[in-house]
Amino acid sequence: MPVTIILTTAKSMASILGGLFFADLVSGLIHWFEDRYGNPKWPILGHTIRANQEHHFKPRDFLRGTFFTRNREVVLLGIIFLALFWGTGTLNLFTGSAVFFGVFANEFHRAAHRSPKENGRLITLVQKTGLAQSFKHHAAHHRQGKDTHYCVITNYVNPVLERIGLFPALERAIKAITGKVPRLDESVNPRYRKAT
């Protein structure tokens, strides 16, 4: 009996952590696409892309507002994904955790822009474990070219993606297939801009 409890607990924890890391990966892919290819003039998504671009000029501005004003689109997407997973019989601890953490991605991002005093002891403690992204880790995205560290939830997914060169590889593939090059980020100091 105790072995079954231990194995079930381990499997559940692995599913939850898997959901957390998968949500972090998805947050990075979305953030990368917004930063590198997004256009604020696009219908539907344009206002979100505009807000993300403005964030690079004034990183703490998005700390204001309510949970709903910061997250209305992702809450709606989360509900849609939960319904799809439920309707297809694939709602489980992994998919549910991925949706849950994905819905809260902006809040993880928000905490990474706040001081320990602003976050309080509990959030600061979780940031120290790396399961919530720390200020120091997230600052790597806002330095120099703003072309690294796109994942906003944990401290664990970005180093893996940077090591394997995922985003530069995606950019090379997009350029080879479509001829499109990444958008110039006006907030980046010209001395840090890379030739595309």
N, C-alpha and C. Protein backbone atom coordinates (compact mmCIF):
# COMPACT_ATOMS: atom_id res chain seq x y z
N MET A 1 0.81 -1.21 0.00
CA MET A 1 0.00 0.00 0.00
C MET A 1 0.85 1.27 0.00
N PRO A 2 1.87 1.41 0.90
CA PRO A 2 2.69 2.62 0.88
C PRO A 2 3.42 2.83 -0.45
N VAL A 3 3.85 1.73 -1.09
CA VAL A 3 4.53 1.85 -2.38
C VAL A 3 3.58 2.44 -3.41
N THR A 4 2.33 2.01 -3.41
CA THR A 4 1.33 2.53 -4.34
C THR A 4 1.12 4.02 -4.11
N ILE A 5 1.04 4.43 -2.86
CA ILE A 5 0.85 5.85 -2.53
C ILE A 5 2.05 6.66 -3.02
N ILE A 6 3.24 6.15 -2.78
CA ILE A 6 4.46 6.86 -3.20
C ILE A 6 4.51 6.97 -4.72
N LEU A 7 4.23 5.87 -5.42
CA LEU A 7 4.26 5.89 -6.89
C LEU A 7 3.19 6.82 -7.46
N THR A 8 1.99 6.79 -6.88
CA THR A 8 0.91 7.66 -7.34
C THR A 8 1.26 9.12 -7.11
N THR A 9 1.83 9.41 -5.95
CA THR A 9 2.24 10.79 -5.64
C THR A 9 3.34 11.24 -6.60
N ALA A 10 4.32 10.38 -6.85
CA ALA A 10 5.41 10.72 -7.77
C ALA A 10 4.88 10.97 -9.18
N LYS A 11 3.96 10.12 -9.62
CA LYS A 11 3.37 10.29 -10.96
C LYS A 11 2.58 11.60 -11.03
N SER A 12 1.85 11.91 -9.98
CA SER A 12 1.07 13.16 -9.95
C SER A 12 1.99 14.37 -9.97
N MET A 13 3.05 14.33 -9.17
CA MET A 13 4.00 15.45 -9.15
C MET A 13 4.69 15.62 -10.50
N ALA A 14 5.03 14.50 -11.14
CA ALA A 14 5.65 14.57 -12.47
C ALA A 14 4.70 15.19 -13.49
N SER A 15 3.42 14.85 -13.39
CA SER A 15 2.42 15.43 -14.30
C SER A 15 2.27 16.93 -14.08
N ILE A 16 2.24 17.34 -12.82
CA ILE A 16 2.11 18.77 -12.50
C ILE A 16 3.35 19.53 -12.97
N LEU A 17 4.54 19.01 -12.66
CA LEU A 17 5.77 19.67 -13.11
C LEU A 17 5.87 19.67 -14.63
N GLY A 18 5.47 18.58 -15.25
CA GLY A 18 5.46 18.53 -16.72
C GLY A 18 4.54 19.59 -17.29
N GLY A 19 3.36 19.76 -16.68
CA GLY A 19 2.44 20.80 -17.11
C GLY A 19 3.04 22.19 -16.93
N LEU A 20 3.73 22.40 -15.81
CA LEU A 20 4.38 23.68 -15.54
C LEU A 20 5.44 23.98 -16.60
N PHE A 21 6.30 23.01 -16.88
CA PHE A 21 7.38 23.24 -17.85
C PHE A 21 6.83 23.37 -19.27
N PHE A 22 5.79 22.61 -19.60
CA PHE A 22 5.18 22.74 -20.92
C PHE A 22 4.56 24.13 -21.08
N ALA A 23 3.86 24.60 -20.05
CA ALA A 23 3.27 25.95 -20.10
C ALA A 23 4.37 26.99 -20.26
N ASP A 24 5.49 26.80 -19.60
CA ASP A 24 6.61 27.73 -19.72
C ASP A 24 7.14 27.74 -21.15
N LEU A 25 7.28 26.56 -21.76
CA LEU A 25 7.72 26.47 -23.15
C LEU A 25 6.75 27.22 -24.07
N VAL A 26 5.46 26.99 -23.89
CA VAL A 26 4.45 27.66 -24.72
C VAL A 26 4.51 29.17 -24.50
N SER A 27 4.70 29.60 -23.24
CA SER A 27 4.80 31.05 -22.97
C SER A 27 5.98 31.64 -23.73
N GLY A 28 7.08 30.89 -23.81
CA GLY A 28 8.26 31.36 -24.53
C GLY A 28 8.03 31.44 -26.03
N LEU A 29 7.36 30.43 -26.59
CA LEU A 29 7.07 30.45 -28.03
C LEU A 29 6.18 31.63 -28.39
N ILE A 30 5.17 31.88 -27.57
CA ILE A 30 4.26 33.00 -27.83
C ILE A 30 5.00 34.33 -27.68
N HIS A 31 5.76 34.47 -26.60
CA HIS A 31 6.52 35.70 -26.35
C HIS A 31 7.51 35.95 -27.48
N TRP A 32 8.22 34.91 -27.89
CA TRP A 32 9.18 35.03 -28.99
C TRP A 32 8.47 35.50 -30.26
N PHE A 33 7.34 34.88 -30.59
CA PHE A 33 6.62 35.25 -31.81
C PHE A 33 6.14 36.70 -31.74
N GLU A 34 5.61 37.10 -30.59
CA GLU A 34 5.17 38.50 -30.43
C GLU A 34 6.34 39.46 -30.62
N ASP A 35 7.46 39.17 -29.95
CA ASP A 35 8.63 40.06 -30.00
C ASP A 35 9.25 40.12 -31.39
N ARG A 36 9.35 39.00 -32.05
CA ARG A 36 10.13 38.93 -33.28
C ARG A 36 9.32 39.10 -34.56
N TYR A 37 8.04 38.71 -34.53
CA TYR A 37 7.25 38.76 -35.77
C TYR A 37 5.91 39.46 -35.61
N GLY A 38 5.50 39.75 -34.39
CA GLY A 38 4.18 40.33 -34.14
C GLY A 38 4.05 41.74 -34.68
N ASN A 39 2.83 42.07 -35.11
CA ASN A 39 2.54 43.40 -35.65
C ASN A 39 1.37 43.98 -34.87
N PRO A 40 1.56 45.15 -34.25
CA PRO A 40 0.48 45.74 -33.47
C PRO A 40 -0.74 46.13 -34.31
N LYS A 41 -0.60 46.11 -35.63
CA LYS A 41 -1.73 46.45 -36.51
C LYS A 41 -2.60 45.24 -36.85
N TRP A 42 -2.18 44.06 -36.44
CA TRP A 42 -2.97 42.86 -36.73
C TRP A 42 -4.32 42.94 -36.04
N PRO A 43 -5.37 42.45 -36.70
CA PRO A 43 -6.67 42.39 -36.01
C PRO A 43 -6.62 41.35 -34.88
N ILE A 44 -7.42 41.51 -33.91
CA ILE A 44 -7.59 40.64 -32.75
C ILE A 44 -6.36 40.62 -31.84
N LEU A 45 -5.20 40.21 -32.35
CA LEU A 45 -4.00 40.09 -31.52
C LEU A 45 -3.19 41.38 -31.42
N GLY A 46 -3.49 42.35 -32.25
CA GLY A 46 -2.68 43.56 -32.33
C GLY A 46 -2.51 44.29 -31.01
N HIS A 47 -3.60 44.43 -30.25
CA HIS A 47 -3.48 45.16 -28.98
C HIS A 47 -2.58 44.44 -27.98
N THR A 48 -2.59 43.11 -28.01
CA THR A 48 -1.72 42.33 -27.12
C THR A 48 -0.26 42.50 -27.53
N ILE A 49 0.00 42.47 -28.82
CA ILE A 49 1.36 42.66 -29.33
C ILE A 49 1.85 44.07 -29.01
N ARG A 50 0.98 45.05 -29.18
CA ARG A 50 1.33 46.44 -28.86
C ARG A 50 1.73 46.57 -27.39
N ALA A 51 0.92 45.96 -26.52
CA ALA A 51 1.21 46.03 -25.08
C ALA A 51 2.55 45.37 -24.76
N ASN A 52 2.85 44.26 -25.43
CA ASN A 52 4.12 43.57 -25.21
C ASN A 52 5.28 44.44 -25.69
N GLN A 53 5.12 45.09 -26.83
CA GLN A 53 6.18 45.96 -27.33
C GLN A 53 6.39 47.16 -26.41
N GLU A 54 5.30 47.73 -25.91
CA GLU A 54 5.40 48.85 -24.98
C GLU A 54 6.09 48.43 -23.68
N HIS A 55 5.89 47.18 -23.31
CA HIS A 55 6.52 46.63 -22.10
C HIS A 55 8.04 46.73 -22.18
N HIS A 56 8.61 46.60 -23.37
CA HIS A 56 10.06 46.69 -23.51
C HIS A 56 10.56 48.11 -23.26
N PHE A 57 9.74 49.10 -23.52
CA PHE A 57 10.12 50.49 -23.23
C PHE A 57 9.91 50.84 -21.76
N LYS A 58 8.83 50.33 -21.19
CA LYS A 58 8.48 50.63 -19.79
C LYS A 58 8.12 49.32 -19.09
N PRO A 59 9.13 48.57 -18.66
CA PRO A 59 8.91 47.22 -18.14
C PRO A 59 7.95 47.10 -16.96
N ARG A 60 7.84 48.10 -16.12
CA ARG A 60 6.98 47.97 -14.94
C ARG A 60 5.56 48.51 -15.15
N ASP A 61 5.29 49.08 -16.30
CA ASP A 61 3.95 49.64 -16.53
C ASP A 61 2.84 48.59 -16.43
N PHE A 62 3.13 47.37 -16.84
CA PHE A 62 2.07 46.36 -16.84
C PHE A 62 1.76 45.81 -15.45
N LEU A 63 2.49 46.27 -14.43
CA LEU A 63 2.20 45.85 -13.06
C LEU A 63 0.87 46.42 -12.58
N ARG A 64 0.46 47.51 -13.20
CA ARG A 64 -0.81 48.14 -12.81
C ARG A 64 -1.98 47.33 -13.37
N GLY A 65 -3.15 47.72 -12.97
CA GLY A 65 -4.35 47.07 -13.48
C GLY A 65 -4.76 45.89 -12.62
N THR A 66 -5.82 45.27 -13.04
CA THR A 66 -6.37 44.13 -12.30
C THR A 66 -5.94 42.83 -12.95
N PHE A 67 -6.17 41.74 -12.24
CA PHE A 67 -5.90 40.42 -12.81
C PHE A 67 -6.63 40.27 -14.14
N PHE A 68 -7.89 40.70 -14.19
CA PHE A 68 -8.68 40.53 -15.41
C PHE A 68 -8.13 41.37 -16.57
N THR A 69 -7.73 42.61 -16.32
CA THR A 69 -7.22 43.43 -17.42
C THR A 69 -5.90 42.89 -17.94
N ARG A 70 -5.12 42.25 -17.10
CA ARG A 70 -3.84 41.68 -17.54
C ARG A 70 -4.01 40.32 -18.21
N ASN A 71 -5.10 39.63 -17.92
CA ASN A 71 -5.18 38.22 -18.31
C ASN A 71 -6.46 37.81 -19.04
N ARG A 72 -7.29 38.74 -19.46
CA ARG A 72 -8.59 38.34 -20.02
C ARG A 72 -8.47 37.40 -21.22
N GLU A 73 -7.50 37.65 -22.10
CA GLU A 73 -7.36 36.78 -23.28
C GLU A 73 -6.92 35.37 -22.88
N VAL A 74 -5.95 35.28 -21.95
CA VAL A 74 -5.46 33.94 -21.59
C VAL A 74 -6.48 33.18 -20.75
N VAL A 75 -7.30 33.88 -19.98
CA VAL A 75 -8.36 33.19 -19.24
C VAL A 75 -9.36 32.59 -20.23
N LEU A 76 -9.73 33.35 -21.24
CA LEU A 76 -10.65 32.84 -22.27
C LEU A 76 -10.03 31.65 -23.00
N LEU A 77 -8.77 31.77 -23.38
CA LEU A 77 -8.09 30.65 -24.04
C LEU A 77 -8.01 29.43 -23.12
N GLY A 78 -7.75 29.67 -21.84
CA GLY A 78 -7.70 28.57 -20.88
C GLY A 78 -9.02 27.83 -20.80
N ILE A 79 -10.12 28.57 -20.77
CA ILE A 79 -11.45 27.95 -20.73
C ILE A 79 -11.69 27.13 -21.99
N ILE A 80 -11.30 27.69 -23.14
CA ILE A 80 -11.47 26.97 -24.41
C ILE A 80 -10.65 25.68 -24.41
N PHE A 81 -9.39 25.76 -23.98
CA PHE A 81 -8.55 24.55 -23.95
C PHE A 81 -9.07 23.52 -22.96
N LEU A 82 -9.51 23.96 -21.79
CA LEU A 82 -10.08 23.00 -20.83
C LEU A 82 -11.30 22.30 -21.43
N ALA A 83 -12.15 23.06 -22.11
CA ALA A 83 -13.33 22.47 -22.75
C ALA A 83 -12.92 21.48 -23.84
N LEU A 84 -11.91 21.84 -24.63
CA LEU A 84 -11.43 20.92 -25.68
C LEU A 84 -10.85 19.65 -25.08
N PHE A 85 -10.03 19.80 -24.05
CA PHE A 85 -9.45 18.62 -23.41
C PHE A 85 -10.54 17.75 -22.78
N TRP A 86 -11.50 18.38 -22.13
CA TRP A 86 -12.61 17.63 -21.53
C TRP A 86 -13.43 16.93 -22.61
N GLY A 87 -13.75 17.66 -23.68
CA GLY A 87 -14.56 17.10 -24.76
C GLY A 87 -13.90 15.96 -25.51
N THR A 88 -12.57 15.97 -25.55
CA THR A 88 -11.85 14.90 -26.25
C THR A 88 -11.35 13.81 -25.31
N GLY A 89 -11.68 13.94 -24.04
CA GLY A 89 -11.26 12.93 -23.06
C GLY A 89 -9.78 12.99 -22.72
N THR A 90 -9.14 14.13 -22.97
CA THR A 90 -7.70 14.26 -22.69
C THR A 90 -7.41 15.20 -21.51
N LEU A 91 -8.45 15.58 -20.78
CA LEU A 91 -8.23 16.41 -19.59
C LEU A 91 -7.70 15.52 -18.48
N ASN A 92 -6.50 15.81 -18.05
CA ASN A 92 -5.86 15.04 -16.98
C ASN A 92 -4.97 15.99 -16.18
N LEU A 93 -4.20 15.46 -15.27
CA LEU A 93 -3.38 16.31 -14.41
C LEU A 93 -2.34 17.10 -15.21
N PHE A 94 -1.77 16.48 -16.24
CA PHE A 94 -0.79 17.19 -17.07
C PHE A 94 -1.44 18.31 -17.85
N THR A 95 -2.50 18.01 -18.62
CA THR A 95 -3.12 19.05 -19.45
C THR A 95 -3.78 20.12 -18.58
N GLY A 96 -4.40 19.72 -17.49
CA GLY A 96 -5.01 20.69 -16.58
C GLY A 96 -3.98 21.61 -15.96
N SER A 97 -2.84 21.04 -15.54
CA SER A 97 -1.76 21.85 -14.97
C SER A 97 -1.17 22.80 -16.01
N ALA A 98 -0.99 22.31 -17.23
CA ALA A 98 -0.45 23.16 -18.29
C ALA A 98 -1.37 24.36 -18.54
N VAL A 99 -2.67 24.11 -18.59
CA VAL A 99 -3.62 25.22 -18.78
C VAL A 99 -3.59 26.16 -17.58
N PHE A 100 -3.61 25.60 -16.39
CA PHE A 100 -3.60 26.43 -15.18
C PHE A 100 -2.38 27.35 -15.15
N PHE A 101 -1.19 26.77 -15.32
CA PHE A 101 0.03 27.58 -15.28
C PHE A 101 0.10 28.54 -16.47
N GLY A 102 -0.41 28.11 -17.62
CA GLY A 102 -0.44 29.00 -18.79
C GLY A 102 -1.32 30.22 -18.55
N VAL A 103 -2.47 30.01 -17.92
CA VAL A 103 -3.37 31.12 -17.61
C VAL A 103 -2.68 32.12 -16.68
N PHE A 104 -1.83 31.63 -15.80
CA PHE A 104 -1.14 32.50 -14.84
C PHE A 104 0.23 32.98 -15.32
N ALA A 105 0.58 32.74 -16.59
CA ALA A 105 1.90 33.14 -17.10
C ALA A 105 2.17 34.63 -16.90
N ASN A 106 1.18 35.47 -17.17
CA ASN A 106 1.39 36.92 -16.99
C ASN A 106 1.63 37.27 -15.53
N GLU A 107 1.03 36.52 -14.62
CA GLU A 107 1.24 36.79 -13.20
C GLU A 107 2.64 36.36 -12.75
N PHE A 108 3.14 35.25 -13.31
CA PHE A 108 4.54 34.86 -13.05
C PHE A 108 5.46 35.96 -13.58
N HIS A 109 5.16 36.43 -14.79
CA HIS A 109 5.94 37.49 -15.43
C HIS A 109 5.89 38.76 -14.58
N ARG A 110 4.72 39.08 -14.10
CA ARG A 110 4.54 40.27 -13.25
C ARG A 110 5.41 40.16 -11.99
N ALA A 111 5.38 39.00 -11.35
CA ALA A 111 6.18 38.80 -10.13
C ALA A 111 7.67 38.93 -10.41
N ALA A 112 8.10 38.54 -11.62
CA ALA A 112 9.52 38.65 -11.99
C ALA A 112 9.96 40.09 -12.18
N HIS A 113 9.01 41.01 -12.25
CA HIS A 113 9.33 42.44 -12.36
C HIS A 113 9.18 43.17 -11.03
N ARG A 114 8.82 42.45 -10.00
CA ARG A 114 8.58 43.08 -8.69
C ARG A 114 9.70 42.71 -7.72
N SER A 115 9.88 43.54 -6.73
CA SER A 115 10.89 43.30 -5.70
C SER A 115 10.39 42.24 -4.72
N PRO A 116 11.28 41.62 -3.96
CA PRO A 116 10.83 40.67 -2.93
C PRO A 116 9.82 41.29 -1.97
N LYS A 117 10.02 42.54 -1.62
CA LYS A 117 9.08 43.21 -0.71
C LYS A 117 7.69 43.31 -1.36
N GLU A 118 7.63 43.65 -2.64
CA GLU A 118 6.35 43.74 -3.34
C GLU A 118 5.69 42.36 -3.47
N ASN A 119 6.49 41.33 -3.68
CA ASN A 119 5.96 39.98 -3.88
C ASN A 119 5.55 39.30 -2.58
N GLY A 120 6.20 39.63 -1.49
CA GLY A 120 5.93 38.96 -0.24
C GLY A 120 6.77 37.70 -0.09
N ARG A 121 6.72 37.11 1.08
CA ARG A 121 7.60 35.97 1.41
C ARG A 121 7.31 34.72 0.60
N LEU A 122 6.03 34.38 0.42
CA LEU A 122 5.70 33.13 -0.26
C LEU A 122 6.16 33.14 -1.72
N ILE A 123 5.81 34.20 -2.46
CA ILE A 123 6.22 34.26 -3.87
C ILE A 123 7.73 34.32 -3.98
N THR A 124 8.37 35.09 -3.11
CA THR A 124 9.83 35.18 -3.12
C THR A 124 10.47 33.81 -2.85
N LEU A 125 9.90 33.05 -1.94
CA LEU A 125 10.39 31.70 -1.65
C LEU A 125 10.26 30.80 -2.88
N VAL A 126 9.12 30.85 -3.54
CA VAL A 126 8.93 30.02 -4.75
C VAL A 126 9.89 30.47 -5.85
N GLN A 127 10.14 31.78 -5.95
CA GLN A 127 11.11 32.27 -6.93
C GLN A 127 12.51 31.73 -6.63
N LYS A 128 12.85 31.59 -5.36
CA LYS A 128 14.18 31.07 -4.99
C LYS A 128 14.34 29.61 -5.41
N THR A 129 13.24 28.87 -5.53
CA THR A 129 13.32 27.48 -6.00
C THR A 129 13.46 27.41 -7.52
N GLY A 130 13.15 28.51 -8.20
CA GLY A 130 13.17 28.52 -9.66
C GLY A 130 11.86 28.09 -10.28
N LEU A 131 10.91 27.62 -9.46
CA LEU A 131 9.62 27.20 -10.01
C LEU A 131 8.75 28.39 -10.40
N ALA A 132 9.08 29.56 -9.89
CA ALA A 132 8.53 30.83 -10.36
C ALA A 132 9.74 31.67 -10.77
N GLN A 133 9.64 32.31 -11.91
CA GLN A 133 10.80 33.02 -12.45
C GLN A 133 11.23 34.17 -11.55
N SER A 134 12.52 34.25 -11.31
CA SER A 134 13.08 35.30 -10.47
C SER A 134 13.34 36.57 -11.29
N PHE A 135 13.48 37.67 -10.58
CA PHE A 135 13.81 38.95 -11.22
C PHE A 135 15.13 38.82 -11.98
N LYS A 136 16.13 38.22 -11.32
CA LYS A 136 17.46 38.09 -11.94
C LYS A 136 17.39 37.28 -13.23
N HIS A 137 16.65 36.17 -13.21
CA HIS A 137 16.55 35.34 -14.41
C HIS A 137 15.84 36.10 -15.53
N HIS A 138 14.73 36.74 -15.21
CA HIS A 138 13.96 37.44 -16.25
C HIS A 138 14.71 38.65 -16.79
N ALA A 139 15.55 39.26 -15.97
CA ALA A 139 16.31 40.43 -16.42
C ALA A 139 17.16 40.12 -17.65
N ALA A 140 17.54 38.86 -17.83
CA ALA A 140 18.33 38.48 -19.00
C ALA A 140 17.58 38.79 -20.30
N HIS A 141 16.26 38.72 -20.27
CA HIS A 141 15.48 39.05 -21.48
C HIS A 141 15.52 40.54 -21.77
N HIS A 142 15.55 41.36 -20.75
CA HIS A 142 15.47 42.81 -20.94
C HIS A 142 16.84 43.46 -21.15
N ARG A 143 17.90 42.68 -21.12
CA ARG A 143 19.23 43.22 -21.37
C ARG A 143 19.55 43.18 -22.86
N GLN A 144 20.41 44.02 -23.26
CA GLN A 144 21.01 44.04 -24.60
C GLN A 144 19.98 43.88 -25.71
N GLY A 145 20.02 42.76 -26.44
CA GLY A 145 19.20 42.62 -27.64
C GLY A 145 17.77 42.17 -27.42
N LYS A 146 17.40 41.84 -26.21
CA LYS A 146 16.05 41.35 -25.89
C LYS A 146 15.65 40.20 -26.82
N ASP A 147 16.63 39.35 -27.12
CA ASP A 147 16.38 38.24 -28.05
C ASP A 147 16.75 36.89 -27.43
N THR A 148 16.67 36.82 -26.11
CA THR A 148 16.87 35.56 -25.40
C THR A 148 15.88 35.49 -24.24
N HIS A 149 15.81 34.35 -23.59
CA HIS A 149 15.02 34.18 -22.36
C HIS A 149 13.56 34.63 -22.53
N TYR A 150 12.87 34.01 -23.47
CA TYR A 150 11.48 34.38 -23.76
C TYR A 150 10.48 33.73 -22.80
N CYS A 151 10.81 32.59 -22.23
CA CYS A 151 9.87 31.90 -21.33
C CYS A 151 9.75 32.71 -20.03
N VAL A 152 8.53 32.85 -19.51
CA VAL A 152 8.30 33.78 -18.40
C VAL A 152 7.84 33.11 -17.10
N ILE A 153 7.76 31.80 -17.05
CA ILE A 153 7.18 31.16 -15.87
C ILE A 153 8.23 30.65 -14.89
N THR A 154 9.21 29.88 -15.34
CA THR A 154 10.20 29.29 -14.43
C THR A 154 11.62 29.73 -14.82
N ASN A 155 12.58 29.31 -14.02
CA ASN A 155 14.00 29.53 -14.34
C ASN A 155 14.61 28.35 -15.08
N TYR A 156 13.83 27.32 -15.40
CA TYR A 156 14.40 26.07 -15.88
C TYR A 156 14.32 25.85 -17.39
N VAL A 157 13.34 26.40 -18.07
CA VAL A 157 13.16 26.09 -19.49
C VAL A 157 14.08 26.95 -20.36
N ASN A 158 14.23 28.23 -20.04
CA ASN A 158 15.08 29.11 -20.85
C ASN A 158 16.50 28.58 -21.05
N PRO A 159 17.20 28.14 -19.99
CA PRO A 159 18.58 27.66 -20.21
C PRO A 159 18.65 26.49 -21.19
N VAL A 160 17.67 25.62 -21.16
CA VAL A 160 17.65 24.48 -22.10
C VAL A 160 17.47 24.99 -23.52
N LEU A 161 16.50 25.90 -23.72
CA LEU A 161 16.23 26.42 -25.06
C LEU A 161 17.40 27.24 -25.59
N GLU A 162 18.07 27.98 -24.71
CA GLU A 162 19.24 28.75 -25.12
C GLU A 162 20.38 27.81 -25.51
N ARG A 163 20.55 26.74 -24.74
CA ARG A 163 21.62 25.78 -25.01
C ARG A 163 21.44 25.10 -26.36
N ILE A 164 20.19 24.75 -26.70
CA ILE A 164 19.96 24.07 -27.98
C ILE A 164 19.75 25.05 -29.14
N GLY A 165 19.64 26.34 -28.83
CA GLY A 165 19.49 27.35 -29.88
C GLY A 165 18.15 27.29 -30.60
N LEU A 166 17.08 26.99 -29.86
CA LEU A 166 15.77 26.83 -30.49
C LEU A 166 15.31 28.07 -31.26
N PHE A 167 15.34 29.23 -30.63
CA PHE A 167 14.76 30.41 -31.28
C PHE A 167 15.57 30.89 -32.48
N PRO A 168 16.90 30.92 -32.42
CA PRO A 168 17.64 31.25 -33.64
C PRO A 168 17.38 30.24 -34.76
N ALA A 169 17.23 28.95 -34.41
CA ALA A 169 16.95 27.93 -35.42
C ALA A 169 15.58 28.17 -36.06
N LEU A 170 14.58 28.51 -35.24
CA LEU A 170 13.26 28.82 -35.79
C LEU A 170 13.32 30.04 -36.70
N GLU A 171 14.09 31.05 -36.32
CA GLU A 171 14.21 32.25 -37.14
C GLU A 171 14.89 31.94 -38.47
N ARG A 172 15.91 31.10 -38.45
CA ARG A 172 16.57 30.70 -39.71
C ARG A 172 15.61 29.92 -40.59
N ALA A 173 14.82 29.04 -39.99
CA ALA A 173 13.85 28.25 -40.77
C ALA A 173 12.78 29.16 -41.38
N ILE A 174 12.27 30.10 -40.61
CA ILE A 174 11.25 31.02 -41.12
C ILE A 174 11.82 31.85 -42.27
N LYS A 175 13.06 32.31 -42.11
CA LYS A 175 13.69 33.10 -43.18
C LYS A 175 13.88 32.25 -44.43
N ALA A 176 14.32 31.00 -44.26
CA ALA A 176 14.54 30.12 -45.40
C ALA A 176 13.24 29.79 -46.12
N ILE A 177 12.16 29.61 -45.37
CA ILE A 177 10.88 29.20 -45.96
C ILE A 177 10.10 30.39 -46.51
N THR A 178 10.07 31.50 -45.76
CA THR A 178 9.20 32.62 -46.13
C THR A 178 9.95 33.87 -46.58
N GLY A 179 11.24 33.95 -46.26
CA GLY A 179 11.99 35.16 -46.55
C GLY A 179 11.82 36.23 -45.48
N LYS A 180 10.96 35.99 -44.50
CA LYS A 180 10.71 36.97 -43.43
C LYS A 180 11.85 36.96 -42.42
N VAL A 181 12.24 38.15 -42.01
CA VAL A 181 13.25 38.29 -40.97
C VAL A 181 12.58 38.85 -39.73
N PRO A 182 13.17 38.63 -38.55
CA PRO A 182 12.55 39.15 -37.33
C PRO A 182 12.38 40.67 -37.37
N ARG A 183 11.34 41.12 -36.72
CA ARG A 183 11.02 42.55 -36.62
C ARG A 183 12.09 43.24 -35.78
N LEU A 184 12.41 44.46 -36.15
CA LEU A 184 13.34 45.26 -35.39
C LEU A 184 12.66 45.76 -34.12
N ASP A 185 13.26 45.50 -32.98
CA ASP A 185 12.71 45.97 -31.70
C ASP A 185 13.28 47.36 -31.45
N GLU A 186 12.43 48.37 -31.54
CA GLU A 186 12.85 49.76 -31.40
C GLU A 186 13.39 50.08 -30.00
N SER A 187 13.06 49.24 -29.02
CA SER A 187 13.51 49.52 -27.65
C SER A 187 14.96 49.09 -27.42
N VAL A 188 15.53 48.35 -28.36
CA VAL A 188 16.89 47.84 -28.20
C VAL A 188 17.89 48.90 -28.63
N ASN A 189 18.88 49.12 -27.79
CA ASN A 189 19.97 50.03 -28.11
C ASN A 189 20.61 49.55 -29.41
N PRO A 190 20.83 50.43 -30.41
CA PRO A 190 21.37 50.01 -31.71
C PRO A 190 22.67 49.20 -31.62
N ARG A 191 23.49 49.44 -30.61
CA ARG A 191 24.76 48.70 -30.53
C ARG A 191 24.55 47.22 -30.21
N TYR A 192 23.35 46.85 -29.73
CA TYR A 192 23.07 45.45 -29.41
C TYR A 192 22.26 44.74 -30.48
N ARG A 193 21.87 45.44 -31.52
CA ARG A 193 21.06 44.81 -32.58
C ARG A 193 21.93 43.90 -33.42
N LYS A 194 21.41 42.71 -33.68
CA LYS A 194 22.12 41.75 -34.51
C LYS A 194 21.64 41.88 -35.94
N ALA A 195 22.54 41.68 -36.88
CA ALA A 195 22.15 41.68 -38.29
C ALA A 195 21.31 40.44 -38.55
N THR A 196 20.21 40.61 -39.30
CA THR A 196 19.35 39.46 -39.61
C THR A 196 19.54 38.99 -41.02
